[in-house]
Protein backbone atom coordinates (compact mmCIF):
# COMPACT_ATOMS: atom_id res chain seq x y z
CA UNK A 1 -100.76 -1.89 108.87
CA UNK A 2 -97.72 -0.93 110.93
CA UNK A 3 -95.71 -3.01 113.40
CA UNK A 4 -97.40 -1.45 116.42
CA UNK A 5 -100.86 -2.50 115.24
CA UNK A 6 -99.69 -6.02 114.38
CA UNK A 7 -98.06 -6.38 117.80
CA UNK A 8 -101.23 -5.11 119.51
CA UNK A 9 -103.32 -7.63 117.59
CA UNK A 10 -101.06 -10.51 118.62
CA UNK A 11 -101.04 -9.35 122.24
CA UNK A 12 -104.84 -9.04 122.36
CA UNK A 13 -105.29 -12.45 120.74
CA UNK A 14 -102.96 -14.05 123.28
CA UNK A 15 -104.94 -12.61 126.19
CA UNK A 16 -108.29 -13.60 124.69
CA UNK A 17 -107.08 -17.15 124.12
CA UNK A 18 -106.03 -17.32 127.78
CA UNK A 19 -109.41 -15.98 128.88
CA UNK A 20 -111.20 -18.61 126.80
CA UNK A 21 -108.99 -21.37 128.20
CA UNK A 22 -107.28 -22.23 124.94
CA UNK A 23 -103.97 -24.07 124.63
CA UNK A 24 -101.47 -22.05 126.66
CA UNK A 25 -98.63 -22.88 124.26
CA UNK A 26 -100.51 -21.30 121.34
CA UNK A 27 -101.42 -18.26 123.40
CA UNK A 28 -97.81 -17.80 124.47
CA UNK A 29 -96.57 -18.07 120.88
CA UNK A 30 -98.72 -15.07 119.92
CA UNK A 31 -97.54 -13.15 123.01
CA UNK A 32 -93.91 -13.83 122.04
CA UNK A 33 -94.63 -12.73 118.48
CA UNK A 34 -96.13 -9.48 119.81
CA UNK A 35 -92.93 -8.78 121.75
CA UNK A 36 -90.75 -9.62 118.74
CA UNK A 37 -92.72 -7.46 116.29
CA UNK A 38 -92.85 -4.51 118.67
CA UNK A 39 -89.05 -4.48 118.94
CA UNK A 40 -88.27 -4.79 115.22
CA UNK A 41 -86.15 -1.92 113.85
CA UNK A 42 -87.85 -2.07 110.42
CA UNK A 43 -91.48 -2.11 109.36
CA UNK A 44 -92.86 -5.50 108.34
CA UNK A 45 -94.79 -3.85 105.50
CA UNK A 46 -91.38 -2.98 103.99
CA UNK A 47 -90.04 -6.52 104.47
CA UNK A 48 -90.11 -9.19 101.76
CA UNK A 49 -92.66 -11.94 102.61
CA UNK A 50 -90.03 -14.68 102.62
CA UNK A 51 -87.85 -12.67 105.01
CA UNK A 52 -90.64 -12.43 107.58
CA UNK A 53 -90.33 -16.16 108.31
CA UNK A 54 -86.58 -15.74 108.89
CA UNK A 55 -87.13 -13.36 111.81
CA UNK A 56 -86.21 -14.99 115.10
CA UNK A 57 -89.38 -15.40 117.16
CA UNK A 58 -91.71 -15.62 114.13
CA UNK A 59 -93.00 -19.12 113.38
CA UNK A 60 -95.06 -20.59 110.58
CA UNK A 61 -98.42 -19.70 112.13
CA UNK A 62 -97.50 -16.20 113.25
CA UNK A 63 -95.73 -15.52 109.95
CA UNK A 64 -98.87 -16.39 107.99
CA UNK A 65 -100.92 -14.22 110.34
CA UNK A 66 -98.58 -11.26 109.68
CA UNK A 67 -98.96 -11.71 105.93
CA UNK A 68 -102.74 -11.88 106.32
CA UNK A 69 -102.81 -8.59 108.22
CA UNK A 70 -100.49 -6.89 105.73
CA UNK A 71 -102.47 -8.09 102.72
CA UNK A 72 -106.06 -7.74 104.01
CA UNK A 73 -105.79 -5.31 106.91
CA UNK A 74 -107.72 -7.89 108.95
CA UNK A 75 -106.90 -10.76 111.31
CA UNK A 76 -109.60 -13.43 111.03
CA UNK A 77 -108.56 -15.44 114.10
CA UNK A 78 -108.65 -12.34 116.29
CA UNK A 79 -112.03 -11.36 114.82
CA UNK A 80 -113.38 -14.78 115.78
CA UNK A 81 -112.38 -14.36 119.42
CA UNK A 82 -113.71 -10.82 119.51
CA UNK A 83 -117.10 -12.08 118.30
CA UNK A 84 -117.38 -14.63 121.12
CA UNK A 85 -116.18 -12.26 123.85
CA UNK A 86 -118.71 -9.94 125.54
CA UNK A 87 -117.83 -6.25 124.98
CA UNK A 88 -117.76 -5.71 128.72
CA UNK A 89 -115.01 -8.29 129.13
CA UNK A 90 -112.91 -6.38 126.59
CA UNK A 91 -113.33 -3.25 128.71
CA UNK A 92 -112.46 -5.13 131.92
CA UNK A 93 -109.20 -6.15 130.23
CA UNK A 94 -108.14 -2.49 130.46
CA UNK A 95 -108.10 -2.63 134.27
CA UNK A 96 -104.60 -2.87 135.71
CA UNK A 97 -103.92 -5.80 138.00
CA UNK A 98 -106.30 -8.19 136.27
CA UNK A 99 -104.63 -10.75 134.05
CA UNK A 100 -106.43 -13.09 131.64
CA UNK A 101 -106.64 -15.93 134.18
CA UNK A 102 -108.30 -13.75 136.83
CA UNK A 103 -110.67 -12.23 134.26
CA UNK A 104 -111.67 -15.73 133.14
CA UNK A 105 -112.39 -16.71 136.75
CA UNK A 106 -114.52 -13.60 137.33
CA UNK A 107 -116.42 -14.16 134.10
CA UNK A 108 -117.02 -17.89 134.40
CA UNK A 109 -117.61 -18.21 138.15
CA UNK A 110 -119.40 -14.94 138.97
CA UNK A 111 -120.92 -14.45 135.48
CA UNK A 112 -119.71 -10.84 135.46
CA UNK A 113 -119.64 -9.32 131.98
CA UNK A 114 -119.37 -5.57 132.56
CA UNK A 115 -117.33 -2.99 134.44
CA UNK A 116 -120.34 -1.92 136.51
CA UNK A 117 -121.02 -5.49 137.61
CA UNK A 118 -117.39 -5.94 138.60
CA UNK A 119 -117.34 -2.74 140.67
CA UNK A 120 -120.55 -3.82 142.41
CA UNK A 121 -119.03 -7.23 143.12
CA UNK A 122 -115.98 -5.56 144.70
CA UNK A 123 -118.19 -3.41 146.89
CA UNK A 124 -120.11 -6.54 147.96
CA UNK A 125 -116.90 -8.49 148.68
CA UNK A 126 -117.83 -11.14 146.15
CA UNK A 127 -114.33 -11.46 144.75
CA UNK A 128 -113.25 -12.90 148.10
CA UNK A 129 -115.23 -16.01 147.21
CA UNK A 130 -112.86 -16.76 144.33
CA UNK A 131 -109.64 -18.70 144.57
CA UNK A 132 -106.62 -16.42 144.26
CA UNK A 133 -108.45 -13.26 145.35
CA UNK A 134 -107.74 -11.72 148.75
CA UNK A 135 -108.81 -8.47 150.36
CA UNK A 136 -105.81 -6.57 148.98
CA UNK A 137 -106.45 -7.82 145.44
CA UNK A 138 -110.13 -6.93 145.63
CA UNK A 139 -109.39 -3.43 146.96
CA UNK A 140 -106.75 -2.89 144.28
CA UNK A 141 -109.23 -3.93 141.57
CA UNK A 142 -111.88 -1.60 143.01
CA UNK A 143 -109.50 1.37 143.09
CA UNK A 144 -108.28 0.68 139.56
CA UNK A 145 -111.86 0.49 138.26
CA UNK A 146 -112.74 3.82 139.86
CA UNK A 147 -109.57 5.38 138.45
CA UNK A 148 -110.39 4.04 134.97
CA UNK A 149 -113.99 5.24 135.07
CA UNK A 150 -113.03 8.71 136.32
CA UNK A 151 -110.63 9.15 133.41
CA UNK A 152 -112.66 7.42 130.71
CA UNK A 153 -113.65 10.61 128.89
CA UNK A 154 -110.29 12.32 129.34
CA UNK A 155 -107.38 12.45 126.90
CA UNK A 156 -103.71 13.32 126.86
CA UNK A 157 -102.85 16.58 125.11
CA UNK A 158 -100.80 14.54 122.63
CA UNK A 159 -103.81 12.34 121.87
CA UNK A 160 -106.10 15.21 120.86
CA UNK A 161 -103.59 17.64 119.35
CA UNK A 162 -103.95 16.56 115.72
CA UNK A 163 -107.73 16.31 116.02
CA UNK A 164 -108.02 19.76 117.61
CA UNK A 165 -105.75 21.52 115.12
CA UNK A 166 -107.41 19.82 112.15
CA UNK A 167 -110.88 20.70 113.41
CA UNK A 168 -109.87 24.34 113.91
CA UNK A 169 -108.46 24.48 110.39
CA UNK A 170 -111.63 22.89 108.97
CA UNK A 171 -113.86 25.39 110.74
CA UNK A 172 -111.67 28.33 109.70
CA UNK A 173 -112.04 27.28 106.06
CA UNK A 174 -115.77 26.70 106.40
CA UNK A 175 -116.59 29.97 108.17
CA UNK A 176 -114.05 32.39 106.62
CA UNK A 177 -113.75 35.30 107.07
CA UNK A 178 -115.31 34.80 110.53
CA UNK A 179 -112.62 34.41 113.24
CA UNK A 180 -112.06 30.94 114.71
CA UNK A 181 -109.64 29.98 117.51
CA UNK A 182 -108.98 27.15 119.92
CA UNK A 183 -109.43 28.12 123.55
CA UNK A 184 -109.70 26.66 127.06
CA UNK A 185 -107.45 23.90 128.36
CA UNK A 186 -106.09 23.03 124.94
CA UNK A 187 -104.95 26.59 124.33
CA UNK A 188 -103.32 26.61 127.77
CA UNK A 189 -101.43 23.42 126.82
CA UNK A 190 -102.93 21.47 129.71
CA UNK A 191 -101.58 17.93 129.89
CA UNK A 192 -105.07 16.40 130.25
CA UNK A 193 -107.92 17.52 128.00
CA UNK A 194 -111.63 16.94 128.79
CA UNK A 195 -113.03 19.06 125.98
CA UNK A 196 -111.64 20.68 122.84
CA UNK A 197 -112.99 24.24 123.02
CA UNK A 198 -113.27 26.76 120.20
CA UNK A 199 -114.50 30.34 119.87
CA UNK A 200 -116.21 31.23 116.59
CA UNK A 201 -117.32 34.73 115.65
CA UNK A 202 -120.69 33.90 114.08
CA UNK A 203 -124.24 32.86 115.12
CA UNK A 204 -124.57 29.56 116.98
CA UNK A 205 -127.34 28.29 114.71
CA UNK A 206 -125.13 28.45 111.62
CA UNK A 207 -122.28 26.72 113.46
CA UNK A 208 -124.53 23.88 114.61
CA UNK A 209 -125.92 23.37 111.13
CA UNK A 210 -122.41 22.85 109.79
CA UNK A 211 -121.16 20.62 112.63
CA UNK A 212 -124.19 18.37 112.14
CA UNK A 213 -122.84 17.53 108.68
CA UNK A 214 -119.45 16.33 109.98
CA UNK A 215 -118.99 12.56 110.35
CA UNK A 216 -119.39 11.12 113.88
CA UNK A 217 -120.41 14.47 115.43
CA UNK A 218 -123.44 14.35 117.74
CA UNK A 219 -125.01 17.28 119.60
CA UNK A 220 -125.20 16.70 123.37
CA UNK A 221 -126.49 20.02 124.72
CA UNK A 222 -126.84 23.67 123.85
CA UNK A 223 -127.34 27.07 125.55
CA UNK A 224 -127.87 30.55 124.15
CA UNK A 225 -124.26 30.87 122.97
CA UNK A 226 -122.61 27.46 123.46
CA UNK A 227 -123.04 23.94 122.17
CA UNK A 228 -121.41 20.69 123.29
CA UNK A 229 -120.70 17.93 120.80
CA UNK A 230 -119.40 14.38 121.02
CA UNK A 231 -117.01 13.12 118.39
CA UNK A 232 -117.17 9.32 118.40
CA UNK A 233 -113.44 8.61 118.80
CA UNK A 234 -112.21 11.82 120.41
CA UNK A 235 -112.81 14.30 123.20
CA UNK A 236 -115.99 16.31 123.43
CA UNK A 237 -116.06 19.59 121.49
CA UNK A 238 -117.42 22.78 123.03
CA UNK A 239 -118.24 25.77 120.84
CA UNK A 240 -118.54 29.36 122.06
CA UNK A 241 -120.43 31.50 119.57
CA UNK A 242 -120.11 35.28 119.61
CA UNK A 243 -120.23 38.32 117.37
CA UNK A 244 -116.98 39.24 115.58
CA UNK A 245 -116.80 42.38 117.74
CA UNK A 246 -116.82 40.26 120.92
CA UNK A 247 -114.32 37.67 119.64
CA UNK A 248 -111.25 38.93 121.52
CA UNK A 249 -113.18 39.30 124.78
CA UNK A 250 -114.69 35.82 124.48
CA UNK A 251 -111.34 34.27 123.58
CA UNK A 252 -109.73 35.96 126.59
CA UNK A 253 -112.36 34.92 129.13
CA UNK A 254 -112.56 31.33 127.89
CA UNK A 255 -108.77 30.88 127.81
CA UNK A 256 -107.73 31.83 131.33
CA UNK A 257 -108.27 29.59 134.35
CA UNK A 258 -110.71 30.68 137.03
CA UNK A 259 -107.87 31.71 139.37
CA UNK A 260 -106.15 33.70 136.64
CA UNK A 261 -109.29 35.61 135.70
CA UNK A 262 -110.11 36.42 139.34
CA UNK A 263 -106.64 37.88 139.84
CA UNK A 264 -106.82 39.75 136.53
CA UNK A 265 -110.14 41.30 137.54
CA UNK A 266 -108.78 42.13 141.01
CA UNK A 267 -105.88 43.93 139.35
CA UNK A 268 -108.36 46.19 137.55
CA UNK A 269 -108.18 44.52 134.16
CA UNK A 270 -111.86 43.61 133.72
CA UNK A 271 -112.89 47.03 132.43
CA UNK A 272 -110.50 46.71 129.47
CA UNK A 273 -111.77 43.37 128.14
CA UNK A 274 -114.90 44.48 126.29
CA UNK A 275 -113.21 47.64 125.01
CA UNK A 276 -110.38 45.86 123.17
CA UNK A 277 -110.23 44.40 119.67
CA UNK A 278 -107.33 42.03 120.44
CA UNK A 279 -105.97 40.16 123.44
CA UNK A 280 -102.72 42.11 123.14
CA UNK A 281 -104.74 45.32 123.56
CA UNK A 282 -106.43 43.93 126.68
CA UNK A 283 -103.09 43.44 128.41
CA UNK A 284 -101.69 46.73 127.13
CA UNK A 285 -104.63 48.74 128.48
CA UNK A 286 -104.31 46.89 131.80
CA UNK A 287 -100.67 48.00 132.01
CA UNK A 288 -99.29 44.50 131.68
CA UNK A 289 -96.97 42.54 129.44
CA UNK A 290 -98.78 40.16 127.12
CA UNK A 291 -99.24 36.86 128.95
CA UNK A 292 -99.04 33.81 126.69
CA UNK A 293 -102.09 31.50 126.91
CA UNK A 294 -100.10 28.63 128.46
CA UNK A 295 -99.24 30.85 131.45
CA UNK A 296 -102.80 31.89 132.22
CA UNK A 297 -103.20 29.48 135.11
CA UNK A 298 -102.29 30.99 138.47
CA UNK A 299 -101.83 34.40 140.02
CA UNK A 300 -98.08 35.03 140.28
CA UNK A 301 -97.85 35.60 136.53
CA UNK A 302 -100.14 38.64 136.90
CA UNK A 303 -97.66 40.22 139.31
CA UNK A 304 -94.76 39.55 136.93
CA UNK A 305 -96.69 40.95 133.96
CA UNK A 306 -97.57 44.15 135.85
CA UNK A 307 -93.89 44.59 136.72
CA UNK A 308 -92.91 43.73 133.13
CA UNK A 309 -90.69 40.92 134.41
CA UNK A 310 -91.99 37.91 132.50
CA UNK A 311 -89.03 35.68 131.59
CA UNK A 312 -88.16 34.47 128.10
CA UNK A 313 -89.30 30.86 128.34
CA UNK A 314 -87.72 27.75 126.89
CA UNK A 315 -88.55 26.55 123.37
CA UNK A 316 -87.73 23.28 121.61
CA UNK A 317 -85.00 25.12 119.70
CA UNK A 318 -83.24 25.63 123.04
CA UNK A 319 -82.75 21.89 123.58
CA UNK A 320 -79.11 21.21 122.68
CA UNK A 321 -78.75 17.59 123.71
CA UNK A 322 -80.73 14.40 124.16
CA UNK A 323 -80.54 13.35 127.80
CA UNK A 324 -82.09 10.02 128.87
CA UNK A 325 -82.28 7.62 125.94
CA UNK A 326 -82.22 3.86 125.47
CA UNK A 327 -80.65 1.68 122.79
CA UNK A 328 -80.64 -1.98 121.85
CA UNK A 329 -78.19 -2.49 124.70
CA UNK A 330 -81.32 -2.61 126.88
CA UNK A 331 -84.90 -2.12 125.62
CA UNK A 332 -84.46 0.46 122.85
CA UNK A 333 -85.44 -0.18 119.23
CA UNK A 334 -82.23 1.06 117.61
CA UNK A 335 -78.53 0.49 118.02
CA UNK A 336 -76.43 2.99 119.94
CA UNK A 337 -74.75 4.05 116.71
CA UNK A 338 -78.12 4.64 115.01
CA UNK A 339 -79.39 6.67 117.97
CA UNK A 340 -76.23 8.82 117.96
CA UNK A 341 -76.18 9.40 114.21
CA UNK A 342 -79.86 10.40 114.26
CA UNK A 343 -79.29 12.82 117.14
CA UNK A 344 -76.37 14.42 115.32
CA UNK A 345 -78.33 14.63 112.06
CA UNK A 346 -81.16 16.42 113.89
CA UNK A 347 -78.75 19.10 115.07
CA UNK A 348 -78.22 17.99 118.66
CA UNK A 349 -74.72 18.45 120.07
CA UNK A 350 -74.64 15.38 122.32
CA UNK A 351 -76.47 12.23 123.38
CA UNK A 352 -76.67 10.90 126.93
CA UNK A 353 -77.19 7.16 126.55
CA UNK A 354 -78.83 5.85 129.71
CA UNK A 355 -79.82 2.24 129.22
CA UNK A 356 -81.46 0.31 132.04
CA UNK A 357 -79.46 -1.09 134.94
CA UNK A 358 -79.10 -4.72 135.95
CA UNK A 359 -82.17 -4.87 138.23
CA UNK A 360 -84.39 -4.12 135.22
CA UNK A 361 -84.13 -7.70 133.95
CA UNK A 362 -87.46 -7.20 132.11
CA UNK A 363 -85.74 -4.48 130.04
CA UNK A 364 -82.49 -6.38 129.39
CA UNK A 365 -80.66 -4.26 131.97
CA UNK A 366 -76.87 -4.06 131.72
CA UNK A 367 -74.61 -6.37 133.67
CA UNK A 368 -71.23 -5.05 134.81
CA UNK A 369 -69.55 -6.87 131.90
CA UNK A 370 -71.92 -5.35 129.36
CA UNK A 371 -71.35 -1.87 130.78
CA UNK A 372 -67.64 -2.20 130.02
CA UNK A 373 -68.43 -3.33 126.47
CA UNK A 374 -70.84 -0.43 125.93
CA UNK A 375 -68.26 2.04 127.17
CA UNK A 376 -65.78 0.68 124.64
CA UNK A 377 -68.28 1.26 121.85
CA UNK A 378 -68.99 4.79 123.11
CA UNK A 379 -65.27 5.63 123.01
CA UNK A 380 -65.05 4.39 119.42
CA UNK A 381 -68.17 6.24 118.28
CA UNK A 382 -66.98 9.46 119.91
CA UNK A 383 -63.85 9.31 117.75
CA UNK A 384 -65.94 8.77 114.63
CA UNK A 385 -68.67 11.35 115.32
CA UNK A 386 -66.62 14.20 116.84
CA UNK A 387 -67.32 16.96 117.71
CA UNK A 388 -70.66 15.31 118.54
CA UNK A 389 -70.30 13.41 121.80
CA UNK A 390 -72.02 10.46 123.50
CA UNK A 391 -71.97 10.60 127.31
CA UNK A 392 -71.84 7.44 129.37
CA UNK A 393 -74.87 7.19 131.60
CA UNK A 394 -77.23 4.65 133.12
CA UNK A 395 -80.82 4.76 134.32
CA UNK A 396 -80.08 3.14 137.66
CA UNK A 397 -82.95 1.52 139.49
CA UNK A 398 -83.61 2.90 142.94
CA UNK A 399 -83.98 -0.25 145.01
CA UNK A 400 -86.52 -0.63 147.83
CA UNK A 401 -84.06 0.65 150.43
CA UNK A 402 -83.02 3.66 148.33
CA UNK A 403 -79.66 2.31 147.18
CA UNK A 404 -78.70 2.22 143.49
CA UNK A 405 -78.13 -1.19 141.96
CA UNK A 406 -74.38 -0.99 141.24
CA UNK A 407 -71.41 -0.63 143.58
CA UNK A 408 -69.69 2.76 143.76
CA UNK A 409 -66.77 1.75 141.52
CA UNK A 410 -69.21 0.98 138.69
CA UNK A 411 -71.28 4.14 139.26
CA UNK A 412 -68.03 6.12 139.12
CA UNK A 413 -67.41 4.87 135.56
CA UNK A 414 -70.38 6.88 134.22
CA UNK A 415 -70.35 10.53 133.26
CA UNK A 416 -73.71 10.94 134.98
CA UNK A 417 -76.37 8.74 136.61
CA UNK A 418 -80.14 9.03 136.26
CA UNK A 419 -81.78 7.44 139.31
CA UNK A 420 -85.35 6.19 138.83
CA UNK A 421 -87.94 4.00 140.52
CA UNK A 422 -89.41 1.25 138.34
CA UNK A 423 -90.71 -1.31 140.83
CA UNK A 424 -92.78 -1.60 144.01
CA UNK A 425 -94.80 1.54 143.32
CA UNK A 426 -97.38 0.95 146.08
CA UNK A 427 -95.25 1.87 149.08
CA UNK A 428 -96.66 4.12 151.78
CA UNK A 429 -95.60 7.75 151.51
CA UNK A 430 -93.25 7.30 154.47
CA UNK A 431 -91.41 4.39 152.82
CA UNK A 432 -91.48 5.96 149.37
CA UNK A 433 -89.99 9.19 150.70
CA UNK A 434 -87.27 7.38 152.63
CA UNK A 435 -86.40 5.50 149.46
CA UNK A 436 -86.25 8.60 147.23
CA UNK A 437 -84.41 10.79 149.72
CA UNK A 438 -81.69 8.19 150.16
CA UNK A 439 -81.26 8.01 146.38
CA UNK A 440 -81.03 11.81 146.15
CA UNK A 441 -78.36 11.81 148.87
CA UNK A 442 -76.22 9.34 146.89
CA UNK A 443 -73.24 11.34 145.56
CA UNK A 444 -73.45 9.52 142.21
CA UNK A 445 -77.05 10.55 141.52
CA UNK A 446 -76.95 13.35 138.95
CA UNK A 447 -80.60 13.42 137.85
CA UNK A 448 -83.74 12.19 139.61
CA UNK A 449 -85.75 10.52 136.85
CA UNK A 450 -89.57 10.69 136.54
CA UNK A 451 -90.07 11.60 140.18
CA UNK A 452 -93.46 9.99 140.91
CA UNK A 453 -93.47 7.21 138.33
CA UNK A 454 -96.93 8.28 137.19
CA UNK A 455 -98.47 7.27 133.89
CA UNK A 456 -101.10 9.84 133.03
CA UNK A 457 -104.66 8.46 132.90
CA UNK A 458 -103.24 5.02 133.72
CA UNK A 459 -101.37 5.14 137.02
CA UNK A 460 -101.30 7.76 139.76
CA UNK A 461 -97.70 7.13 140.71
CA UNK A 462 -96.35 6.68 144.21
CA UNK A 463 -97.13 9.15 146.99
CA UNK A 464 -94.41 11.75 147.50
CA UNK A 465 -93.91 15.01 149.32
CA UNK A 466 -92.81 17.16 146.37
CA UNK A 467 -91.55 20.03 148.49
CA UNK A 468 -89.37 17.76 150.62
CA UNK A 469 -87.85 16.06 147.56
CA UNK A 470 -87.18 19.39 145.86
CA UNK A 471 -85.52 20.68 149.02
CA UNK A 472 -83.32 17.57 149.12
CA UNK A 473 -82.37 17.98 145.45
CA UNK A 474 -81.43 21.59 146.15
CA UNK A 475 -79.26 20.52 149.08
CA UNK A 476 -77.45 17.78 147.16
CA UNK A 477 -77.27 19.55 143.75
CA UNK A 478 -79.41 16.91 142.03
CA UNK A 479 -81.18 17.81 138.79
CA UNK A 480 -84.90 17.01 138.53
CA UNK A 481 -86.05 15.47 135.28
CA UNK A 482 -89.12 16.65 133.45
CA UNK A 483 -89.71 13.39 131.62
CA UNK A 484 -91.07 14.52 128.26
CA UNK A 485 -92.95 11.36 127.34
CA UNK A 486 -96.56 12.60 126.93
CA UNK A 487 -97.80 9.84 129.23
CA UNK A 488 -95.41 10.89 132.02
CA UNK A 489 -94.60 14.64 132.01
CA UNK A 490 -93.13 14.03 135.44
CA UNK A 491 -92.23 16.22 137.48
CA UNK A 492 -95.65 17.87 137.30
CA UNK A 493 -95.26 21.40 135.94
CA UNK A 494 -97.12 22.88 138.93
CA UNK A 495 -94.14 22.06 141.17
CA UNK A 496 -91.54 23.56 138.84
CA UNK A 497 -91.85 27.16 140.15
CA UNK A 498 -90.90 25.93 143.63
CA UNK A 499 -87.95 24.00 142.20
CA UNK A 500 -86.76 27.11 140.36
CA UNK A 501 -87.18 29.16 143.52
CA UNK A 502 -84.79 26.69 145.21
CA UNK A 503 -82.33 26.99 142.28
CA UNK A 504 -82.83 23.36 141.26
CA UNK A 505 -82.02 22.63 137.63
CA UNK A 506 -84.74 21.03 135.52
CA UNK A 507 -83.88 18.72 132.63
CA UNK A 508 -86.39 18.21 129.80
CA UNK A 509 -85.59 14.64 128.72
CA UNK A 510 -87.41 12.48 126.15
CA UNK A 511 -86.75 9.07 127.76
CA UNK A 512 -86.44 8.00 124.13
CA UNK A 513 -86.59 4.29 123.35
CA UNK A 514 -86.41 5.01 119.62
CA UNK A 515 -85.29 7.76 117.26
CA UNK A 516 -88.93 8.78 116.96
CA UNK A 517 -88.93 9.35 120.71
CA UNK A 518 -86.68 12.39 120.34
CA UNK A 519 -89.77 14.29 119.18
CA UNK A 520 -91.27 14.03 122.65
CA UNK A 521 -89.07 16.90 123.81
CA UNK A 522 -91.77 19.16 122.35
CA UNK A 523 -94.36 17.91 124.84
CA UNK A 524 -91.84 18.28 127.65
CA UNK A 525 -91.10 21.82 126.52
CA UNK A 526 -94.81 22.71 126.56
CA UNK A 527 -95.03 21.53 130.17
CA UNK A 528 -91.77 23.30 131.05
CA UNK A 529 -93.14 26.57 129.64
CA UNK A 530 -96.15 26.31 131.93
CA UNK A 531 -93.77 25.93 134.86
CA UNK A 532 -91.73 28.98 133.88
CA UNK A 533 -88.56 27.17 132.75
CA UNK A 534 -86.01 29.15 130.75
CA UNK A 535 -83.06 27.83 128.77
CA UNK A 536 -80.76 28.89 131.62
CA UNK A 537 -82.40 26.62 134.19
CA UNK A 538 -82.81 23.60 131.92
CA UNK A 539 -79.88 21.18 131.78
CA UNK A 540 -80.64 19.80 128.31
CA UNK A 541 -80.39 23.36 126.97
CA UNK A 542 -76.70 23.49 127.88
CA UNK A 543 -74.33 23.58 124.92
CA UNK A 544 -71.77 20.78 124.69
CA UNK A 545 -68.99 22.82 126.38
CA UNK A 546 -71.38 23.93 129.12
CA UNK A 547 -72.58 20.36 129.66
CA UNK A 548 -69.01 19.06 129.88
CA UNK A 549 -68.17 21.76 132.41
CA UNK A 550 -71.29 20.93 134.43
CA UNK A 551 -70.26 17.27 134.69
CA UNK A 552 -66.66 18.09 135.62
CA UNK A 553 -67.64 20.62 138.26
CA UNK A 554 -70.22 18.34 139.79
CA UNK A 555 -67.76 15.46 140.08
CA UNK A 556 -65.24 17.75 141.73
CA UNK A 557 -67.91 19.01 144.12
CA UNK A 558 -68.87 15.46 145.06
CA UNK A 559 -65.29 14.15 145.11
CA UNK A 560 -66.15 11.33 142.73
């Protein structure tokens, strides 16, 4: 059992104890232990038992619980609370804006034990009868329930990737030499996946017979040449069966979006589909460059392919530096030195350390005094790690009025500033836009971080006028981040073509809070490819000399 699972168990136990009205001190001790374990730089399973009790924040009770989980892979106390908690209450706990105390009130006073009952109660204004619930709270709960339910059967690309690739490999081995390939949204690298789709060149009956033998696979529906399956813990699986001769045609028509296929047909390409043995041949006969699956979304790509003007798109190998990362100076898991050494060892040329600013008290944001101390350490590490370089940065909170949360003389001490919103995400569009535009106009803002603040499948983010923000970034030479965390991927790739049209630089940044987080640049790169980003218009693809020149020129341009 890893640290993440142990921390999750402690956190869940703490909330359940609160819901059941247990001693608040005990509940808080498990919540504190969850926070401590989650931030540990080493795995508890690799720690000597006696050393576990020496960890600050781990007491006698929580230490014994950790040992129990490590030794038995179970947590008896948590199991006890799970047994006495209705399953529907556990699901309600997933709704944002409802803490344990409010859930307990809803459960005990309204006798609500399911998501459906809670939604009905909101629609009937029954929450207004409870102490601590007003109209705004009730409406927020209702909206969050509807958002949760609408996304319940949807998954992040990163969540289904291993499952999809493993399933494809399993089916290839089982049905060889029949052709097997992933298709649909997964093949297009969509950020949200409803179904994992595959094309298989063999009869549907034989495919269904095999899938029925796989664990946790259940047939939902079938047609003449398709079948839809539910895997217990993953996305639904849709199978397209065809003859080997029709494999390329079926793969082509199930890969492209509806808009892409309409435009392809309008361009006279339909007649070539059935006549071709490969997808490459389909494009060649249509007089087009081969269009990679991840680009088969809209219509402009058809025009570029017919003119043989498709750009060479960015790859993960093009990322030369880690921009936007956090260390133990704020809420990262590793020291600044460890983050830098790991980046250098992985072949990156530089690291932009951008810990949280002082307003982010919840993330141990940096005071002015701590900034000076961090800059001293950066200077020392740069001497030791040369030619690798650490750049001084900060993820500065954009305050409610659009100002950044340090005075100009402090902002001037950084090589670059990433400006991001982290609080008050429910502003009206008018207020949110005023806030963001003022931050973009600030001469010290180098990069606009995660533009909408969205968390995919969890939070919509604040309302923004993308075109207006992009125009402002173009005017003020501000880079727009493509936050590569698979739960953000913000800016949305669909707005990238407009940004590129306006000559706005994109920056694929991992927002890494650990060394492991560097790997997220791959998911950011997949999204960047869909938006048409090349290495030339991505800031994190700049070599160290190019990046240094970019910073110098920008400061001269802004007179800072």
